[in-house]
């Protein structure tokens, strides 16, 4: 009985330790991304952007700069 009590306490401490490591969710990063994307230029009527940018969404879409959003430039190639 003593051994099962020790195992139970170990499991409880491990569970609480894992739960405490998560910390609060930071919501600031979500609003930073949203405000950054609102500052991006729109593609022209033919779906073109400036040099080193890629148009996502066709004509009237959004121009993403390759240096800040490389994932969009990799998809366009």
PDB file of N, CA and C in Angstrom:
ATOM      1  N   UNK A   1       0.821  -1.190   0.000  1.00  0.00           N
ATOM      2  CA  UNK A   1       0.000   0.000   0.000  1.00  0.00           C
ATOM      3  C   UNK A   1       0.865   1.254   0.000  1.00  0.00           C
ATOM      4  N   UNK A   2       1.965   1.214   0.746  1.00  0.00           N
ATOM      5  CA  UNK A   2       2.844   2.367   0.815  1.00  0.00           C
ATOM      6  C   UNK A   2       3.450   2.659  -0.558  1.00  0.00           C
ATOM      7  N   UNK A   3       3.786   1.604  -1.314  1.00  0.00           N
ATOM      8  CA  UNK A   3       4.395   1.779  -2.625  1.00  0.00           C
ATOM      9  C   UNK A   3       3.403   2.404  -3.608  1.00  0.00           C
ATOM     10  N   UNK A   4       2.121   1.978  -3.585  1.00  0.00           N
ATOM     11  CA  UNK A   4       1.136   2.550  -4.502  1.00  0.00           C
ATOM     12  C   UNK A   4       0.850   4.013  -4.153  1.00  0.00           C
ATOM     13  N   UNK A   5       0.914   4.372  -2.878  1.00  0.00           N
ATOM     14  CA  UNK A   5       0.719   5.758  -2.464  1.00  0.00           C
ATOM     15  C   UNK A   5       1.851   6.632  -3.001  1.00  0.00           C
ATOM     16  N   UNK A   6       3.074   6.139  -2.947  1.00  0.00           N
ATOM     17  CA  UNK A   6       4.230   6.889  -3.452  1.00  0.00           C
ATOM     18  C   UNK A   6       4.126   7.050  -4.967  1.00  0.00           C
ATOM     19  N   UNK A   7       3.713   5.992  -5.655  1.00  0.00           N
ATOM     20  CA  UNK A   7       3.543   6.091  -7.109  1.00  0.00           C
ATOM     21  C   UNK A   7       2.447   7.094  -7.458  1.00  0.00           C
ATOM     22  N   UNK A   8       1.365   7.070  -6.714  1.00  0.00           N
ATOM     23  CA  UNK A   8       0.256   8.007  -6.942  1.00  0.00           C
ATOM     24  C   UNK A   8       0.691   9.451  -6.753  1.00  0.00           C
ATOM     25  N   UNK A   9       1.476   9.692  -5.712  1.00  0.00           N
ATOM     26  CA  UNK A   9       1.973  11.050  -5.468  1.00  0.00           C
ATOM     27  C   UNK A   9       2.941  11.469  -6.572  1.00  0.00           C
ATOM     28  N   UNK A  10       3.765  10.550  -7.045  1.00  0.00           N
ATOM     29  CA  UNK A  10       4.690  10.864  -8.145  1.00  0.00           C
ATOM     30  C   UNK A  10       3.942  11.233  -9.411  1.00  0.00           C
ATOM     31  N   UNK A  11       2.880  10.504  -9.698  1.00  0.00           N
ATOM     32  CA  UNK A  11       2.062  10.791 -10.868  1.00  0.00           C
ATOM     33  C   UNK A  11       1.385  12.150 -10.728  1.00  0.00           C
ATOM     34  N   UNK A  12       0.894  12.457  -9.550  1.00  0.00           N
ATOM     35  CA  UNK A  12       0.246  13.736  -9.308  1.00  0.00           C
ATOM     36  C   UNK A  12       1.235  14.892  -9.476  1.00  0.00           C
ATOM     37  N   UNK A  13       2.427  14.758  -8.918  1.00  0.00           N
ATOM     38  CA  UNK A  13       3.446  15.807  -9.032  1.00  0.00           C
ATOM     39  C   UNK A  13       3.867  15.986 -10.490  1.00  0.00           C
ATOM     40  N   UNK A  14       4.021  14.893 -11.217  1.00  0.00           N
ATOM     41  CA  UNK A  14       4.406  14.986 -12.625  1.00  0.00           C
ATOM     42  C   UNK A  14       3.320  15.675 -13.444  1.00  0.00           C
ATOM     43  N   UNK A  15       2.058  15.341 -13.180  1.00  0.00           N
ATOM     44  CA  UNK A  15       0.953  15.962 -13.907  1.00  0.00           C
ATOM     45  C   UNK A  15       0.871  17.447 -13.620  1.00  0.00           C
ATOM     46  N   UNK A  16       0.990  17.830 -12.361  1.00  0.00           N
ATOM     47  CA  UNK A  16       0.948  19.246 -12.006  1.00  0.00           C
ATOM     48  C   UNK A  16       2.140  19.998 -12.585  1.00  0.00           C
ATOM     49  N   UNK A  17       3.291  19.355 -12.613  1.00  0.00           N
ATOM     50  CA  UNK A  17       4.481  19.991 -13.179  1.00  0.00           C
ATOM     51  C   UNK A  17       4.326  20.262 -14.656  1.00  0.00           C
ATOM     52  N   UNK A  18       3.757  19.318 -15.399  1.00  0.00           N
ATOM     53  CA  UNK A  18       3.536  19.519 -16.823  1.00  0.00           C
ATOM     54  C   UNK A  18       2.481  20.584 -17.085  1.00  0.00           C
ATOM     55  N   UNK A  19       1.452  20.614 -16.270  1.00  0.00           N
ATOM     56  CA  UNK A  19       0.396  21.604 -16.456  1.00  0.00           C
ATOM     57  C   UNK A  19       0.907  23.008 -16.164  1.00  0.00           C
ATOM     58  N   UNK A  20       1.818  23.148 -15.217  1.00  0.00           N
ATOM     59  CA  UNK A  20       2.329  24.461 -14.840  1.00  0.00           C
ATOM     60  C   UNK A  20       3.323  25.009 -15.853  1.00  0.00           C
ATOM     61  N   UNK A  21       3.925  24.168 -16.667  1.00  0.00           N
ATOM     62  CA  UNK A  21       4.936  24.633 -17.619  1.00  0.00           C
ATOM     63  C   UNK A  21       4.338  25.380 -18.799  1.00  0.00           C
ATOM     64  N   UNK A  22       3.075  25.208 -19.071  1.00  0.00           N
ATOM     65  CA  UNK A  22       2.469  25.834 -20.239  1.00  0.00           C
ATOM     66  C   UNK A  22       2.435  27.336 -20.161  1.00  0.00           C
ATOM     67  N   UNK A  23       2.063  27.910 -19.052  1.00  0.00           N
ATOM     68  CA  UNK A  23       1.984  29.353 -18.903  1.00  0.00           C
ATOM     69  C   UNK A  23       0.789  29.933 -19.644  1.00  0.00           C
ATOM     70  N   UNK A  24       0.602  31.230 -19.503  1.00  0.00           N
ATOM     71  CA  UNK A  24      -0.542  31.865 -20.165  1.00  0.00           C
ATOM     72  C   UNK A  24      -0.324  31.999 -21.673  1.00  0.00           C
ATOM     73  N   UNK A  25      -1.396  32.045 -22.404  1.00  0.00           N
ATOM     74  CA  UNK A  25      -1.332  32.215 -23.852  1.00  0.00           C
ATOM     75  C   UNK A  25      -1.144  33.695 -24.154  1.00  0.00           C
ATOM     76  N   UNK A  26      -0.163  34.004 -24.991  1.00  0.00           N
ATOM     77  CA  UNK A  26       0.082  35.394 -25.351  1.00  0.00           C
ATOM     78  C   UNK A  26      -0.742  35.736 -26.581  1.00  0.00           C
ATOM     79  N   UNK A  27      -1.654  36.665 -26.438  1.00  0.00           N
ATOM     80  CA  UNK A  27      -2.512  37.038 -27.556  1.00  0.00           C
ATOM     81  C   UNK A  27      -1.960  38.233 -28.317  1.00  0.00           C
ATOM     82  N   UNK A  28      -0.910  38.858 -27.851  1.00  0.00           N
ATOM     83  CA  UNK A  28      -0.341  40.009 -28.539  1.00  0.00           C
ATOM     84  C   UNK A  28       0.197  39.644 -29.914  1.00  0.00           C
ATOM     85  N   UNK A  29       0.766  38.439 -30.047  1.00  0.00           N
ATOM     86  CA  UNK A  29       1.342  38.046 -31.325  1.00  0.00           C
ATOM     87  C   UNK A  29       0.276  37.938 -32.406  1.00  0.00           C
ATOM     88  N   UNK A  30      -0.943  37.583 -32.046  1.00  0.00           N
ATOM     89  CA  UNK A  30      -2.013  37.471 -33.033  1.00  0.00           C
ATOM     90  C   UNK A  30      -2.371  38.844 -33.574  1.00  0.00           C
ATOM     91  N   UNK A  31      -2.489  39.845 -32.704  1.00  0.00           N
ATOM     92  CA  UNK A  31      -2.840  41.176 -33.176  1.00  0.00           C
ATOM     93  C   UNK A  31      -1.689  41.805 -33.940  1.00  0.00           C
ATOM     94  N   UNK A  32      -0.437  41.482 -33.588  1.00  0.00           N
ATOM     95  CA  UNK A  32       0.696  42.003 -34.335  1.00  0.00           C
ATOM     96  C   UNK A  32       0.678  41.495 -35.776  1.00  0.00           C
ATOM     97  N   UNK A  33       0.385  40.240 -35.953  1.00  0.00           N
ATOM     98  CA  UNK A  33       0.328  39.666 -37.299  1.00  0.00           C
ATOM     99  C   UNK A  33      -0.818  40.293 -38.082  1.00  0.00           C
ATOM    100  N   UNK A  34      -1.957  40.464 -37.451  1.00  0.00           N
ATOM    101  CA  UNK A  34      -3.105  41.045 -38.141  1.00  0.00           C
ATOM    102  C   UNK A  34      -2.821  42.471 -38.576  1.00  0.00           C
ATOM    103  N   UNK A  35      -2.207  43.277 -37.719  1.00  0.00           N
ATOM    104  CA  UNK A  35      -1.925  44.661 -38.098  1.00  0.00           C
ATOM    105  C   UNK A  35      -0.839  44.722 -39.166  1.00  0.00           C
ATOM    106  N   UNK A  36       0.112  43.783 -39.142  1.00  0.00           N
ATOM    107  CA  UNK A  36       1.153  43.746 -40.164  1.00  0.00           C
ATOM    108  C   UNK A  36       0.558  43.387 -41.516  1.00  0.00           C
ATOM    109  N   UNK A  37      -0.363  42.425 -41.553  1.00  0.00           N
ATOM    110  CA  UNK A  37      -0.965  42.023 -42.818  1.00  0.00           C
ATOM    111  C   UNK A  37      -1.880  43.114 -43.369  1.00  0.00           C
ATOM    112  N   UNK A  38      -2.486  43.928 -42.516  1.00  0.00           N
ATOM    113  CA  UNK A  38      -3.323  45.014 -43.000  1.00  0.00           C
ATOM    114  C   UNK A  38      -2.484  46.097 -43.658  1.00  0.00           C
ATOM    115  N   UNK A  39      -1.207  46.206 -43.293  1.00  0.00           N
ATOM    116  CA  UNK A  39      -0.329  47.218 -43.860  1.00  0.00           C
ATOM    117  C   UNK A  39       0.235  46.801 -45.220  1.00  0.00           C
ATOM    118  N   UNK A  40      -0.010  45.578 -45.671  1.00  0.00           N
ATOM    119  CA  UNK A  40       0.519  45.101 -46.950  1.00  0.00           C
ATOM    120  C   UNK A  40      -0.257  45.704 -48.116  1.00  0.00           C
ATOM    121  N   UNK A  41       0.434  45.835 -49.247  1.00  0.00           N
ATOM    122  CA  UNK A  41      -0.182  46.390 -50.454  1.00  0.00           C
ATOM    123  C   UNK A  41      -1.056  45.346 -51.133  1.00  0.00           C
ATOM    124  N   UNK A  42      -1.944  45.828 -51.980  1.00  0.00           N
ATOM    125  CA  UNK A  42      -2.810  44.946 -52.764  1.00  0.00           C
ATOM    126  C   UNK A  42      -2.169  44.702 -54.127  1.00  0.00           C
ATOM    127  N   UNK A  43      -2.440  43.541 -54.719  1.00  0.00           N
ATOM    128  CA  UNK A  43      -1.969  43.232 -56.074  1.00  0.00           C
ATOM    129  C   UNK A  43      -2.703  44.128 -57.072  1.00  0.00           C
ATOM    130  N   UNK A  44      -2.057  44.399 -58.197  1.00  0.00           N
ATOM    131  CA  UNK A  44      -2.734  45.210 -59.209  1.00  0.00           C
ATOM    132  C   UNK A  44      -3.794  44.373 -59.931  1.00  0.00           C
ATOM    133  N   UNK A  45      -4.454  44.963 -60.909  1.00  0.00           N
ATOM    134  CA  UNK A  45      -5.576  44.299 -61.582  1.00  0.00           C
ATOM    135  C   UNK A  45      -5.152  43.075 -62.398  1.00  0.00           C
ATOM    136  N   UNK A  46      -3.837  42.947 -62.656  1.00  0.00           N
ATOM    137  CA  UNK A  46      -3.337  41.781 -63.391  1.00  0.00           C
ATOM    138  C   UNK A  46      -2.646  40.779 -62.472  1.00  0.00           C
ATOM    139  N   UNK A  47      -2.729  40.987 -61.173  1.00  0.00           N
ATOM    140  CA  UNK A  47      -2.141  40.058 -60.205  1.00  0.00           C
ATOM    141  C   UNK A  47      -0.642  40.182 -60.071  1.00  0.00           C
ATOM    142  N   UNK A  48      -0.107  41.378 -60.278  1.00  0.00           N
ATOM    143  CA  UNK A  48       1.334  41.594 -60.165  1.00  0.00           C
ATOM    144  C   UNK A  48       1.651  42.427 -58.943  1.00  0.00           C
ATOM    145  N   UNK A  49       2.898  42.258 -58.451  1.00  0.00           N
ATOM    146  CA  UNK A  49       3.398  43.021 -57.310  1.00  0.00           C
ATOM    147  C   UNK A  49       4.766  43.586 -57.664  1.00  0.00           C
ATOM    148  N   UNK A  50       5.347  44.306 -56.736  1.00  0.00           N
ATOM    149  CA  UNK A  50       6.679  44.863 -56.930  1.00  0.00           C
ATOM    150  C   UNK A  50       7.719  43.742 -56.921  1.00  0.00           C
ATOM    151  N   UNK A  51       8.961  44.096 -57.232  1.00  0.00           N
ATOM    152  CA  UNK A  51      10.053  43.134 -57.226  1.00  0.00           C
ATOM    153  C   UNK A  51      10.228  42.568 -55.823  1.00  0.00           C
ATOM    154  N   UNK A  52      10.521  41.282 -55.736  1.00  0.00           N
ATOM    155  CA  UNK A  52      10.738  40.549 -54.486  1.00  0.00           C
ATOM    156  C   UNK A  52       9.467  40.449 -53.650  1.00  0.00           C
ATOM    157  N   UNK A  53       8.310  40.495 -54.308  1.00  0.00           N
ATOM    158  CA  UNK A  53       7.027  40.267 -53.660  1.00  0.00           C
ATOM    159  C   UNK A  53       6.240  39.268 -54.502  1.00  0.00           C
ATOM    160  N   UNK A  54       5.313  38.588 -53.860  1.00  0.00           N
ATOM    161  CA  UNK A  54       4.474  37.619 -54.576  1.00  0.00           C
ATOM    162  C   UNK A  54       3.011  37.942 -54.276  1.00  0.00           C
ATOM    163  N   UNK A  55       2.175  37.808 -55.302  1.00  0.00           N
ATOM    164  CA  UNK A  55       0.751  38.089 -55.168  1.00  0.00           C
ATOM    165  C   UNK A  55       0.035  36.810 -54.729  1.00  0.00           C
ATOM    166  N   UNK A  56      -0.682  36.884 -53.639  1.00  0.00           N
ATOM    167  CA  UNK A  56      -1.450  35.748 -53.133  1.00  0.00           C
ATOM    168  C   UNK A  56      -2.927  36.118 -53.215  1.00  0.00           C
ATOM    169  N   UNK A  57      -3.677  35.348 -53.944  1.00  0.00           N
ATOM    170  CA  UNK A  57      -5.105  35.595 -54.075  1.00  0.00           C
ATOM    171  C   UNK A  57      -5.503  36.174 -55.417  1.00  0.00           C
ATOM    172  N   UNK A  58      -4.567  36.241 -56.353  1.00  0.00           N
ATOM    173  CA  UNK A  58      -4.887  36.726 -57.691  1.00  0.00           C
ATOM    174  C   UNK A  58      -5.083  38.227 -57.723  1.00  0.00           C
ATOM    175  N   UNK A  59      -5.681  38.741 -58.800  1.00  0.00           N
ATOM    176  CA  UNK A  59      -5.932  40.182 -58.899  1.00  0.00           C
ATOM    177  C   UNK A  59      -6.773  40.661 -57.720  1.00  0.00           C
ATOM    178  N   UNK A  60      -6.338  41.726 -57.097  1.00  0.00           N
ATOM    179  CA  UNK A  60      -7.021  42.233 -55.907  1.00  0.00           C
ATOM    180  C   UNK A  60      -6.586  41.526 -54.633  1.00  0.00           C
ATOM    181  N   UNK A  61      -5.629  40.598 -54.743  1.00  0.00           N
ATOM    182  CA  UNK A  61      -5.128  39.876 -53.569  1.00  0.00           C
ATOM    183  C   UNK A  61      -4.104  40.710 -52.801  1.00  0.00           C
ATOM    184  N   UNK A  62      -3.269  40.061 -52.042  1.00  0.00           N
ATOM    185  CA  UNK A  62      -2.298  40.735 -51.193  1.00  0.00           C
ATOM    186  C   UNK A  62      -0.888  40.449 -51.681  1.00  0.00           C
ATOM    187  N   UNK A  63      -0.041  41.486 -51.681  1.00  0.00           N
ATOM    188  CA  UNK A  63       1.371  41.345 -52.028  1.00  0.00           C
ATOM    189  C   UNK A  63       2.159  41.051 -50.756  1.00  0.00           C
ATOM    190  N   UNK A  64       2.839  39.904 -50.725  1.00  0.00           N
ATOM    191  CA  UNK A  64       3.644  39.522 -49.575  1.00  0.00           C
ATOM    192  C   UNK A  64       5.117  39.653 -49.928  1.00  0.00           C
ATOM    193  N   UNK A  65       5.896  40.446 -49.154  1.00  0.00           N
ATOM    194  CA  UNK A  65       7.336  40.550 -49.406  1.00  0.00           C
ATOM    195  C   UNK A  65       8.039  39.238 -49.051  1.00  0.00           C
ATOM    196  N   UNK A  66       8.940  38.790 -49.934  1.00  0.00           N
ATOM    197  CA  UNK A  66       9.617  37.509 -49.737  1.00  0.00           C
ATOM    198  C   UNK A  66      10.547  37.504 -48.530  1.00  0.00           C
ATOM    199  N   UNK A  67      11.088  38.655 -48.159  1.00  0.00           N
ATOM    200  CA  UNK A  67      12.004  38.666 -47.016  1.00  0.00           C
ATOM    201  C   UNK A  67      11.266  38.507 -45.694  1.00  0.00           C
ATOM    202  N   UNK A  68      10.003  38.916 -45.599  1.00  0.00           N
ATOM    203  CA  UNK A  68       9.245  38.766 -44.352  1.00  0.00           C
ATOM    204  C   UNK A  68       8.330  37.553 -44.359  1.00  0.00           C
ATOM    205  N   UNK A  69       7.898  37.111 -45.531  1.00  0.00           N
ATOM    206  CA  UNK A  69       6.980  35.974 -45.656  1.00  0.00           C
ATOM    207  C   UNK A  69       7.517  34.986 -46.690  1.00  0.00           C
ATOM    208  N   UNK A  70       8.623  34.300 -46.396  1.00  0.00           N
ATOM    209  CA  UNK A  70       9.212  33.390 -47.395  1.00  0.00           C
ATOM    210  C   UNK A  70       8.312  32.209 -47.742  1.00  0.00           C
ATOM    211  N   UNK A  71       7.379  31.843 -46.876  1.00  0.00           N
ATOM    212  CA  UNK A  71       6.513  30.699 -47.155  1.00  0.00           C
ATOM    213  C   UNK A  71       5.637  30.962 -48.378  1.00  0.00           C
ATOM    214  N   UNK A  72       5.239  32.206 -48.628  1.00  0.00           N
ATOM    215  CA  UNK A  72       4.428  32.507 -49.799  1.00  0.00           C
ATOM    216  C   UNK A  72       5.273  32.483 -51.069  1.00  0.00           C
ATOM    217  N   UNK A  73       6.513  32.942 -50.979  1.00  0.00           N
ATOM    218  CA  UNK A  73       7.381  32.948 -52.149  1.00  0.00           C
ATOM    219  C   UNK A  73       7.765  31.521 -52.535  1.00  0.00           C
ATOM    220  N   UNK A  74       7.927  30.643 -51.566  1.00  0.00           N
ATOM    221  CA  UNK A  74       8.244  29.248 -51.870  1.00  0.00           C
ATOM    222  C   UNK A  74       7.082  28.565 -52.580  1.00  0.00           C
ATOM    223  N   UNK A  75       5.844  28.932 -52.245  1.00  0.00           N
ATOM    224  CA  UNK A  75       4.674  28.340 -52.898  1.00  0.00           C
ATOM    225  C   UNK A  75       4.539  28.814 -54.339  1.00  0.00           C
ATOM    226  N   UNK A  76       4.969  30.033 -54.625  1.00  0.00           N
ATOM    227  CA  UNK A  76       4.803  30.616 -55.961  1.00  0.00           C
ATOM    228  C   UNK A  76       5.807  30.032 -56.954  1.00  0.00           C
ATOM    229  N   UNK A  77       6.877  29.434 -56.482  1.00  0.00           N
ATOM    230  CA  UNK A  77       7.911  28.908 -57.388  1.00  0.00           C
ATOM    231  C   UNK A  77       7.576  27.558 -57.918  1.00  0.00           C
TER     232      UNK A  77
END
